[in-house]
Amino acid sequence: MGMGSGDEGAVTGGIAVDRLRSIIDRVERLEEERKALGSDIRDVFQEAKSAGFDVKVVKQLLKLRKQEPAEVEEQETLLDIYRRALGM
């Protein structure tokens, strides 16, 4: 029980210190990667805008591609019905 904080498999207060440190380190790395990816995505949207694409429409297309085709069709049908109901 005389394990120091640097010992392999150290347990402090019932907590496996090395395991906790590993988890914290992995989450921190993933958060940094997410930050970098967010920056890359913003760059791609800026590229799309510079090429003359409407970024809002590109984002809508991305959202639609994540959905099931039947769900997209249902939403488009309802949108068409609602437009006609409003005389649009």
PDB file of N, CA and C in Angstrom:
ATOM      1  N   MET A   1       0.812  -1.200   0.000  1.00  0.00           N
ATOM      2  CA  MET A   1       0.000   0.000   0.000  1.00  0.00           C
ATOM      3  C   MET A   1       0.847   1.253   0.000  1.00  0.00           C
ATOM      4  N   GLY A   2       2.149   1.099   0.045  1.00  0.00           N
ATOM      5  CA  GLY A   2       3.018   2.247   0.091  1.00  0.00           C
ATOM      6  C   GLY A   2       3.389   2.743  -1.290  1.00  0.00           C
ATOM      7  N   MET A   3       2.485   2.615  -2.292  1.00  0.00           N
ATOM      8  CA  MET A   3       2.774   3.028  -3.657  1.00  0.00           C
ATOM      9  C   MET A   3       2.795   4.549  -3.746  1.00  0.00           C
ATOM     10  N   GLY A   4       3.784   5.069  -4.449  1.00  0.00           N
ATOM     11  CA  GLY A   4       3.858   6.509  -4.673  1.00  0.00           C
ATOM     12  C   GLY A   4       2.985   6.895  -5.851  1.00  0.00           C
ATOM     13  N   SER A   5       2.840   8.177  -6.101  1.00  0.00           N
ATOM     14  CA  SER A   5       1.958   8.643  -7.173  1.00  0.00           C
ATOM     15  C   SER A   5       2.504   8.302  -8.552  1.00  0.00           C
ATOM     16  N   GLY A   6       3.814   7.990  -8.661  1.00  0.00           N
ATOM     17  CA  GLY A   6       4.387   7.649  -9.952  1.00  0.00           C
ATOM     18  C   GLY A   6       4.395   6.163 -10.226  1.00  0.00           C
ATOM     19  N   ASP A   7       3.990   5.347  -9.282  1.00  0.00           N
ATOM     20  CA  ASP A   7       4.015   3.892  -9.456  1.00  0.00           C
ATOM     21  C   ASP A   7       2.942   3.441 -10.427  1.00  0.00           C
ATOM     22  N   GLU A   8       3.277   2.398 -11.222  1.00  0.00           N
ATOM     23  CA  GLU A   8       2.320   1.787 -12.144  1.00  0.00           C
ATOM     24  C   GLU A   8       1.174   1.191 -11.343  1.00  0.00           C
ATOM     25  N   GLY A   9      -0.028   1.456 -11.703  1.00  0.00           N
ATOM     26  CA  GLY A   9      -1.187   0.881 -11.035  1.00  0.00           C
ATOM     27  C   GLY A   9      -1.514   1.544  -9.706  1.00  0.00           C
ATOM     28  N   ALA A  10      -1.024   2.746  -9.486  1.00  0.00           N
ATOM     29  CA  ALA A  10      -1.270   3.443  -8.224  1.00  0.00           C
ATOM     30  C   ALA A  10      -2.759   3.707  -8.040  1.00  0.00           C
ATOM     31  N   VAL A  11      -3.202   3.567  -6.799  1.00  0.00           N
ATOM     32  CA  VAL A  11      -4.597   3.824  -6.458  1.00  0.00           C
ATOM     33  C   VAL A  11      -4.601   4.855  -5.339  1.00  0.00           C
ATOM     34  N   THR A  12      -5.356   5.930  -5.566  1.00  0.00           N
ATOM     35  CA  THR A  12      -5.464   6.978  -4.560  1.00  0.00           C
ATOM     36  C   THR A  12      -6.931   7.208  -4.287  1.00  0.00           C
ATOM     37  N   GLY A  13      -7.337   7.065  -3.045  1.00  0.00           N
ATOM     38  CA  GLY A  13      -8.735   7.275  -2.696  1.00  0.00           C
ATOM     39  C   GLY A  13      -9.665   6.357  -3.463  1.00  0.00           C
ATOM     40  N   GLY A  14      -9.197   5.161  -3.787  1.00  0.00           N
ATOM     41  CA  GLY A  14     -10.032   4.209  -4.515  1.00  0.00           C
ATOM     42  C   GLY A  14     -10.048   4.450  -6.015  1.00  0.00           C
ATOM     43  N   ILE A  15      -9.218   5.375  -6.505  1.00  0.00           N
ATOM     44  CA  ILE A  15      -9.197   5.733  -7.930  1.00  0.00           C
ATOM     45  C   ILE A  15      -7.903   5.227  -8.552  1.00  0.00           C
ATOM     46  N   ALA A  16      -8.011   4.551  -9.692  1.00  0.00           N
ATOM     47  CA  ALA A  16      -6.837   4.096 -10.435  1.00  0.00           C
ATOM     48  C   ALA A  16      -6.261   5.320 -11.153  1.00  0.00           C
ATOM     49  N   VAL A  17      -5.211   5.871 -10.602  1.00  0.00           N
ATOM     50  CA  VAL A  17      -4.638   7.134 -11.071  1.00  0.00           C
ATOM     51  C   VAL A  17      -4.205   7.062 -12.533  1.00  0.00           C
ATOM     52  N   ASP A  18      -3.504   6.006 -12.918  1.00  0.00           N
ATOM     53  CA  ASP A  18      -3.024   5.898 -14.298  1.00  0.00           C
ATOM     54  C   ASP A  18      -4.185   5.833 -15.286  1.00  0.00           C
ATOM     55  N   ARG A  19      -5.221   5.103 -14.925  1.00  0.00           N
ATOM     56  CA  ARG A  19      -6.398   4.990 -15.809  1.00  0.00           C
ATOM     57  C   ARG A  19      -7.087   6.340 -15.954  1.00  0.00           C
ATOM     58  N   LEU A  20      -7.251   7.053 -14.848  1.00  0.00           N
ATOM     59  CA  LEU A  20      -7.883   8.373 -14.882  1.00  0.00           C
ATOM     60  C   LEU A  20      -7.051   9.326 -15.732  1.00  0.00           C
ATOM     61  N   ARG A  21      -5.735   9.324 -15.526  1.00  0.00           N
ATOM     62  CA  ARG A  21      -4.855  10.202 -16.288  1.00  0.00           C
ATOM     63  C   ARG A  21      -4.949   9.887 -17.777  1.00  0.00           C
ATOM     64  N   SER A  22      -5.012   8.607 -18.122  1.00  0.00           N
ATOM     65  CA  SER A  22      -5.130   8.190 -19.517  1.00  0.00           C
ATOM     66  C   SER A  22      -6.422   8.708 -20.143  1.00  0.00           C
ATOM     67  N   ILE A  23      -7.506   8.598 -19.411  1.00  0.00           N
ATOM     68  CA  ILE A  23      -8.809   9.069 -19.909  1.00  0.00           C
ATOM     69  C   ILE A  23      -8.785  10.577 -20.118  1.00  0.00           C
ATOM     70  N   ILE A  24      -8.268  11.301 -19.136  1.00  0.00           N
ATOM     71  CA  ILE A  24      -8.203  12.761 -19.237  1.00  0.00           C
ATOM     72  C   ILE A  24      -7.334  13.165 -20.426  1.00  0.00           C
ATOM     73  N   ASP A  25      -6.180  12.533 -20.587  1.00  0.00           N
ATOM     74  CA  ASP A  25      -5.291  12.848 -21.705  1.00  0.00           C
ATOM     75  C   ASP A  25      -5.964  12.588 -23.048  1.00  0.00           C
ATOM     76  N   ARG A  26      -6.676  11.475 -23.171  1.00  0.00           N
ATOM     77  CA  ARG A  26      -7.354  11.147 -24.430  1.00  0.00           C
ATOM     78  C   ARG A  26      -8.434  12.159 -24.749  1.00  0.00           C
ATOM     79  N   VAL A  27      -9.217  12.555 -23.746  1.00  0.00           N
ATOM     80  CA  VAL A  27     -10.277  13.545 -23.981  1.00  0.00           C
ATOM     81  C   VAL A  27      -9.666  14.875 -24.409  1.00  0.00           C
ATOM     82  N   GLU A  28      -8.583  15.280 -23.759  1.00  0.00           N
ATOM     83  CA  GLU A  28      -7.934  16.533 -24.132  1.00  0.00           C
ATOM     84  C   GLU A  28      -7.422  16.498 -25.571  1.00  0.00           C
ATOM     85  N   ARG A  29      -6.833  15.370 -25.984  1.00  0.00           N
ATOM     86  CA  ARG A  29      -6.362  15.237 -27.370  1.00  0.00           C
ATOM     87  C   ARG A  29      -7.525  15.301 -28.348  1.00  0.00           C
ATOM     88  N   LEU A  30      -8.613  14.617 -28.014  1.00  0.00           N
ATOM     89  CA  LEU A  30      -9.787  14.621 -28.905  1.00  0.00           C
ATOM     90  C   LEU A  30     -10.399  16.018 -29.010  1.00  0.00           C
ATOM     91  N   GLU A  31     -10.412  16.754 -27.912  1.00  0.00           N
ATOM     92  CA  GLU A  31     -10.932  18.122 -27.957  1.00  0.00           C
ATOM     93  C   GLU A  31     -10.071  19.002 -28.849  1.00  0.00           C
ATOM     94  N   GLU A  32      -8.760  18.822 -28.800  1.00  0.00           N
ATOM     95  CA  GLU A  32      -7.862  19.565 -29.689  1.00  0.00           C
ATOM     96  C   GLU A  32      -8.113  19.191 -31.145  1.00  0.00           C
ATOM     97  N   GLU A  33      -8.313  17.896 -31.399  1.00  0.00           N
ATOM     98  CA  GLU A  33      -8.609  17.452 -32.764  1.00  0.00           C
ATOM     99  C   GLU A  33      -9.927  18.047 -33.249  1.00  0.00           C
ATOM    100  N   ARG A  34     -10.933  18.072 -32.359  1.00  0.00           N
ATOM    101  CA  ARG A  34     -12.238  18.646 -32.728  1.00  0.00           C
ATOM    102  C   ARG A  34     -12.087  20.121 -33.076  1.00  0.00           C
ATOM    103  N   LYS A  35     -11.283  20.828 -32.294  1.00  0.00           N
ATOM    104  CA  LYS A  35     -11.040  22.251 -32.550  1.00  0.00           C
ATOM    105  C   LYS A  35     -10.394  22.435 -33.921  1.00  0.00           C
ATOM    106  N   ALA A  36      -9.405  21.605 -34.229  1.00  0.00           N
ATOM    107  CA  ALA A  36      -8.731  21.680 -35.525  1.00  0.00           C
ATOM    108  C   ALA A  36      -9.692  21.339 -36.662  1.00  0.00           C
ATOM    109  N   LEU A  37     -10.526  20.325 -36.455  1.00  0.00           N
ATOM    110  CA  LEU A  37     -11.503  19.949 -37.482  1.00  0.00           C
ATOM    111  C   LEU A  37     -12.515  21.067 -37.711  1.00  0.00           C
ATOM    112  N   GLY A  38     -12.941  21.722 -36.639  1.00  0.00           N
ATOM    113  CA  GLY A  38     -13.871  22.842 -36.775  1.00  0.00           C
ATOM    114  C   GLY A  38     -13.272  23.947 -37.625  1.00  0.00           C
ATOM    115  N   SER A  39     -12.008  24.210 -37.419  1.00  0.00           N
ATOM    116  CA  SER A  39     -11.308  25.221 -38.212  1.00  0.00           C
ATOM    117  C   SER A  39     -11.229  24.790 -39.676  1.00  0.00           C
ATOM    118  N   ASP A  40     -10.937  23.511 -39.906  1.00  0.00           N
ATOM    119  CA  ASP A  40     -10.881  22.989 -41.278  1.00  0.00           C
ATOM    120  C   ASP A  40     -12.237  23.095 -41.966  1.00  0.00           C
ATOM    121  N   ILE A  41     -13.301  22.795 -41.232  1.00  0.00           N
ATOM    122  CA  ILE A  41     -14.651  22.870 -41.800  1.00  0.00           C
ATOM    123  C   ILE A  41     -14.990  24.311 -42.160  1.00  0.00           C
ATOM    124  N   ARG A  42     -14.652  25.251 -41.287  1.00  0.00           N
ATOM    125  CA  ARG A  42     -14.881  26.676 -41.597  1.00  0.00           C
ATOM    126  C   ARG A  42     -14.125  27.075 -42.863  1.00  0.00           C
ATOM    127  N   ASP A  43     -12.899  26.573 -43.007  1.00  0.00           N
ATOM    128  CA  ASP A  43     -12.113  26.875 -44.211  1.00  0.00           C
ATOM    129  C   ASP A  43     -12.798  26.344 -45.465  1.00  0.00           C
ATOM    130  N   VAL A  44     -13.369  25.148 -45.389  1.00  0.00           N
ATOM    131  CA  VAL A  44     -14.053  24.571 -46.552  1.00  0.00           C
ATOM    132  C   VAL A  44     -15.302  25.386 -46.894  1.00  0.00           C
ATOM    133  N   PHE A  45     -16.043  25.828 -45.876  1.00  0.00           N
ATOM    134  CA  PHE A  45     -17.212  26.667 -46.145  1.00  0.00           C
ATOM    135  C   PHE A  45     -16.785  28.003 -46.766  1.00  0.00           C
ATOM    136  N   GLN A  46     -15.665  28.552 -46.327  1.00  0.00           N
ATOM    137  CA  GLN A  46     -15.154  29.791 -46.919  1.00  0.00           C
ATOM    138  C   GLN A  46     -14.762  29.555 -48.375  1.00  0.00           C
ATOM    139  N   GLU A  47     -14.173  28.399 -48.634  1.00  0.00           N
ATOM    140  CA  GLU A  47     -13.820  28.032 -50.011  1.00  0.00           C
ATOM    141  C   GLU A  47     -15.075  27.927 -50.874  1.00  0.00           C
ATOM    142  N   ALA A  48     -16.120  27.305 -50.332  1.00  0.00           N
ATOM    143  CA  ALA A  48     -17.386  27.179 -51.066  1.00  0.00           C
ATOM    144  C   ALA A  48     -17.957  28.558 -51.374  1.00  0.00           C
ATOM    145  N   LYS A  49     -17.917  29.440 -50.389  1.00  0.00           N
ATOM    146  CA  LYS A  49     -18.432  30.804 -50.575  1.00  0.00           C
ATOM    147  C   LYS A  49     -17.628  31.536 -51.647  1.00  0.00           C
ATOM    148  N   SER A  50     -16.302  31.378 -51.594  1.00  0.00           N
ATOM    149  CA  SER A  50     -15.440  32.026 -52.587  1.00  0.00           C
ATOM    150  C   SER A  50     -15.703  31.492 -53.995  1.00  0.00           C
ATOM    151  N   ALA A  51     -16.138  30.236 -54.078  1.00  0.00           N
ATOM    152  CA  ALA A  51     -16.439  29.632 -55.380  1.00  0.00           C
ATOM    153  C   ALA A  51     -17.839  29.993 -55.863  1.00  0.00           C
ATOM    154  N   GLY A  52     -18.570  30.793 -55.058  1.00  0.00           N
ATOM    155  CA  GLY A  52     -19.888  31.252 -55.480  1.00  0.00           C
ATOM    156  C   GLY A  52     -21.050  30.424 -54.980  1.00  0.00           C
ATOM    157  N   PHE A  53     -20.792  29.472 -54.103  1.00  0.00           N
ATOM    158  CA  PHE A  53     -21.871  28.658 -53.554  1.00  0.00           C
ATOM    159  C   PHE A  53     -22.500  29.356 -52.354  1.00  0.00           C
ATOM    160  N   ASP A  54     -23.800  29.157 -52.186  1.00  0.00           N
ATOM    161  CA  ASP A  54     -24.519  29.680 -51.028  1.00  0.00           C
ATOM    162  C   ASP A  54     -24.291  28.714 -49.868  1.00  0.00           C
ATOM    163  N   VAL A  55     -23.577  29.181 -48.844  1.00  0.00           N
ATOM    164  CA  VAL A  55     -23.185  28.323 -47.725  1.00  0.00           C
ATOM    165  C   VAL A  55     -24.409  27.797 -46.979  1.00  0.00           C
ATOM    166  N   LYS A  56     -25.454  28.610 -46.841  1.00  0.00           N
ATOM    167  CA  LYS A  56     -26.669  28.138 -46.166  1.00  0.00           C
ATOM    168  C   LYS A  56     -27.253  26.932 -46.889  1.00  0.00           C
ATOM    169  N   VAL A  57     -27.264  26.992 -48.212  1.00  0.00           N
ATOM    170  CA  VAL A  57     -27.814  25.889 -49.005  1.00  0.00           C
ATOM    171  C   VAL A  57     -26.908  24.661 -48.897  1.00  0.00           C
ATOM    172  N   VAL A  58     -25.609  24.869 -48.902  1.00  0.00           N
ATOM    173  CA  VAL A  58     -24.674  23.751 -48.745  1.00  0.00           C
ATOM    174  C   VAL A  58     -24.918  23.059 -47.400  1.00  0.00           C
ATOM    175  N   LYS A  59     -25.128  23.850 -46.341  1.00  0.00           N
ATOM    176  CA  LYS A  59     -25.387  23.281 -45.015  1.00  0.00           C
ATOM    177  C   LYS A  59     -26.705  22.512 -45.000  1.00  0.00           C
ATOM    178  N   GLN A  60     -27.724  23.030 -45.725  1.00  0.00           N
ATOM    179  CA  GLN A  60     -28.995  22.314 -45.820  1.00  0.00           C
ATOM    180  C   GLN A  60     -28.803  20.965 -46.525  1.00  0.00           C
ATOM    181  N   LEU A  61     -28.003  20.965 -47.581  1.00  0.00           N
ATOM    182  CA  LEU A  61     -27.737  19.720 -48.298  1.00  0.00           C
ATOM    183  C   LEU A  61     -27.040  18.708 -47.394  1.00  0.00           C
ATOM    184  N   LEU A  62     -26.086  19.169 -46.611  1.00  0.00           N
ATOM    185  CA  LEU A  62     -25.396  18.277 -45.678  1.00  0.00           C
ATOM    186  C   LEU A  62     -26.374  17.672 -44.680  1.00  0.00           C
ATOM    187  N   LYS A  63     -27.290  18.495 -44.180  1.00  0.00           N
ATOM    188  CA  LYS A  63     -28.296  18.020 -43.233  1.00  0.00           C
ATOM    189  C   LYS A  63     -29.202  16.977 -43.884  1.00  0.00           C
ATOM    190  N   LEU A  64     -29.617  17.250 -45.122  1.00  0.00           N
ATOM    191  CA  LEU A  64     -30.493  16.315 -45.838  1.00  0.00           C
ATOM    192  C   LEU A  64     -29.794  14.982 -46.091  1.00  0.00           C
ATOM    193  N   ARG A  65     -28.512  15.020 -46.403  1.00  0.00           N
ATOM    194  CA  ARG A  65     -27.776  13.786 -46.703  1.00  0.00           C
ATOM    195  C   ARG A  65     -27.636  12.883 -45.484  1.00  0.00           C
ATOM    196  N   LYS A  66     -27.788  13.452 -44.289  1.00  0.00           N
ATOM    197  CA  LYS A  66     -27.707  12.658 -43.060  1.00  0.00           C
ATOM    198  C   LYS A  66     -29.019  11.930 -42.761  1.00  0.00           C
ATOM    199  N   GLN A  67     -30.096  12.359 -43.415  1.00  0.00           N
ATOM    200  CA  GLN A  67     -31.414  11.791 -43.150  1.00  0.00           C
ATOM    201  C   GLN A  67     -31.711  10.621 -44.081  1.00  0.00           C
ATOM    202  N   GLU A  68     -32.668   9.828 -43.666  1.00  0.00           N
ATOM    203  CA  GLU A  68     -33.147   8.732 -44.510  1.00  0.00           C
ATOM    204  C   GLU A  68     -33.943   9.318 -45.676  1.00  0.00           C
ATOM    205  N   PRO A  69     -33.824   8.726 -46.871  1.00  0.00           N
ATOM    206  CA  PRO A  69     -34.556   9.240 -48.039  1.00  0.00           C
ATOM    207  C   PRO A  69     -36.063   9.378 -47.803  1.00  0.00           C
ATOM    208  N   ALA A  70     -36.684   8.436 -47.118  1.00  0.00           N
ATOM    209  CA  ALA A  70     -38.126   8.511 -46.864  1.00  0.00           C
ATOM    210  C   ALA A  70     -38.458   9.713 -45.985  1.00  0.00           C
ATOM    211  N   GLU A  71     -37.596   9.999 -45.019  1.00  0.00           N
ATOM    212  CA  GLU A  71     -37.809  11.144 -44.137  1.00  0.00           C
ATOM    213  C   GLU A  71     -37.695  12.450 -44.921  1.00  0.00           C
ATOM    214  N   VAL A  72     -36.718  12.524 -45.826  1.00  0.00           N
ATOM    215  CA  VAL A  72     -36.538  13.718 -46.663  1.00  0.00           C
ATOM    216  C   VAL A  72     -37.757  13.911 -47.553  1.00  0.00           C
ATOM    217  N   GLU A  73     -38.225  12.824 -48.156  1.00  0.00           N
ATOM    218  CA  GLU A  73     -39.393  12.905 -49.039  1.00  0.00           C
ATOM    219  C   GLU A  73     -40.625  13.385 -48.273  1.00  0.00           C
ATOM    220  N   GLU A  74     -40.814  12.864 -47.071  1.00  0.00           N
ATOM    221  CA  GLU A  74     -41.959  13.271 -46.249  1.00  0.00           C
ATOM    222  C   GLU A  74     -41.884  14.763 -45.921  1.00  0.00           C
ATOM    223  N   GLN A  75     -40.710  15.238 -45.553  1.00  0.00           N
ATOM    224  CA  GLN A  75     -40.549  16.655 -45.221  1.00  0.00           C
ATOM    225  C   GLN A  75     -40.795  17.541 -46.444  1.00  0.00           C
ATOM    226  N   GLU A  76     -40.283  17.112 -47.600  1.00  0.00           N
ATOM    227  CA  GLU A  76     -40.488  17.893 -48.818  1.00  0.00           C
ATOM    228  C   GLU A  76     -41.958  17.934 -49.210  1.00  0.00           C
ATOM    229  N   THR A  77     -42.660  16.814 -49.028  1.00  0.00           N
ATOM    230  CA  THR A  77     -44.093  16.764 -49.325  1.00  0.00           C
ATOM    231  C   THR A  77     -44.854  17.719 -48.414  1.00  0.00           C
ATOM    232  N   LEU A  78     -44.547  17.671 -47.116  1.00  0.00           N
ATOM    233  CA  LEU A  78     -45.219  18.571 -46.179  1.00  0.00           C
ATOM    234  C   LEU A  78     -44.905  20.037 -46.474  1.00  0.00           C
ATOM    235  N   LEU A  79     -43.657  20.312 -46.814  1.00  0.00           N
ATOM    236  CA  LEU A  79     -43.278  21.684 -47.151  1.00  0.00           C
ATOM    237  C   LEU A  79     -44.071  22.171 -48.361  1.00  0.00           C
ATOM    238  N   ASP A  80     -44.240  21.307 -49.364  1.00  0.00           N
ATOM    239  CA  ASP A  80     -45.001  21.670 -50.556  1.00  0.00           C
ATOM    240  C   ASP A  80     -46.467  21.918 -50.199  1.00  0.00           C
ATOM    241  N   ILE A  81     -47.050  21.066 -49.357  1.00  0.00           N
ATOM    242  CA  ILE A  81     -48.441  21.242 -48.920  1.00  0.00           C
ATOM    243  C   ILE A  81     -48.600  22.546 -48.168  1.00  0.00           C
ATOM    244  N   TYR A  82     -47.688  22.833 -47.258  1.00  0.00           N
ATOM    245  CA  TYR A  82     -47.762  24.071 -46.467  1.00  0.00           C
ATOM    246  C   TYR A  82     -47.599  25.306 -47.374  1.00  0.00           C
ATOM    247  N   ARG A  83     -46.697  25.227 -48.348  1.00  0.00           N
ATOM    248  CA  ARG A  83     -46.521  26.360 -49.279  1.00  0.00           C
ATOM    249  C   ARG A  83     -47.802  26.623 -50.050  1.00  0.00           C
ATOM    250  N   ARG A  84     -48.402  25.554 -50.572  1.00  0.00           N
ATOM    251  CA  ARG A  84     -49.645  25.720 -51.321  1.00  0.00           C
ATOM    252  C   ARG A  84     -50.765  26.278 -50.437  1.00  0.00           C
ATOM    253  N   ALA A  85     -50.806  25.814 -49.192  1.00  0.00           N
ATOM    254  CA  ALA A  85     -51.826  26.309 -48.262  1.00  0.00           C
ATOM    255  C   ALA A  85     -51.658  27.807 -48.019  1.00  0.00           C
ATOM    256  N   LEU A  86     -50.420  28.286 -48.062  1.00  0.00           N
ATOM    257  CA  LEU A  86     -50.158  29.714 -47.842  1.00  0.00           C
ATOM    258  C   LEU A  86     -50.126  30.512 -49.141  1.00  0.00           C
ATOM    259  N   GLY A  87     -50.403  29.835 -50.264  1.00  0.00           N
ATOM    260  CA  GLY A  87     -50.429  30.518 -51.559  1.00  0.00           C
ATOM    261  C   GLY A  87     -49.047  30.912 -52.049  1.00  0.00           C
ATOM    262  N   MET A  88     -48.059  30.154 -51.693  1.00  0.00           N
ATOM    263  CA  MET A  88     -46.678  30.482 -52.095  1.00  0.00           C
ATOM    264  C   MET A  88     -46.280  29.720 -53.344  1.00  0.00           C
TER     265      MET A  88
END
